[in-house]
């Protein structure tokens, strides 16, 4: 009679479970091995990591929201590797990925980490869901009422207590807030036109949002004092709040296409708007946490590259080519510790995620929370 040790029995059970899991494709909790590959950029010789396989589409959520954990070890993204768009997380140390959802109509742009990094949220069809990152157990927080549909963009408050989003009906829209604890919803205000991309102002009871056309507006959380901000002439591209909520940083697209796109800062209490730096025609940009270094994706057809810019000197350094067919989708962002930059591109096929290490160029920022 064969004799088995406890260790061998445990090992065989683990292998059997793993084999069973590997036979089930496209389901929540499925784990995939790293697909990282690396190459030296043709333009700069910087080392670039391709993190996902371009045989299927992998995309970043809205980059003004939390998509990388505070410790810079986890990346939240959307991928259709199993036939439909689903939420995934990537271990940024090992490259291993895990499917987090198995639901119809997942909006990949809406994926967002909670402020405490213990859960993530997303919209699927008409419903807002919250799910634990530990056990992937999820619950429906709120469902958009009949007669309304989801608008563009949403945001979670810095304390994680509620979400702010847009609902639309015809040419009109309304700004809504819903509490995570009980799903109670209220309307902040309604507009006869379409709003988009609400962003709560840090340390203030106010919400930023986009108006139709070029405008950016601010409204109190009770719907009062709704006003358009006096930004520089032209269109406002990506917008980010500073950590203290005193200012917002934005990319300005001048009306004259011969002028350079620029990064600007609007200080709300003083109602002032000033130039930070002209750019090499950035289509999108990001910033490290203290706003001392910027990263941009150029829309220059002859030089479709990712660049670093030091704020104090306004000097740029080319990191690598992005060659995205739509430069605005490259959407480069810093990890919270500022040691990695992530962006997306379809240069190798379908949209894939890429990374560049910049620890020799940018000072590390420690997690203060």
Foldseek 3Di string as FASTA:
>chain_A
DDDDDPVVVVVVVVVVVLVVLVVDPQDAFRKDFWPKDWDQFPPPRFIKIFGDDQVWAKAAAAVLAAQADLVRQKGWIWTCPPNATFIKIAGNVGSMMGTLDRDAQWDGNAWHAALVNQWIWTDRWFWIKIAGPVPSDMDTLEGDDPQKGFAAAKYAANVRQKIWGWIDHDQKIWIKIAGRVHSDMDTQDIDSHGKYHWDQQPPFQKIWIAGPDAWIWMAGSNNPPIDTADEDAAHWADKHAQNRRQKIWTWGCHPPNVDFIFIWIAGPVVSDIDTQEGDLQFLAKEAANRRQKIWGAHPPPVAGFIWIAGRVVRDIDTNHHQPAPDRNSQHWYARNQRQKIKGWHCPPHHITIMMGGQCVPDHTDHSPD
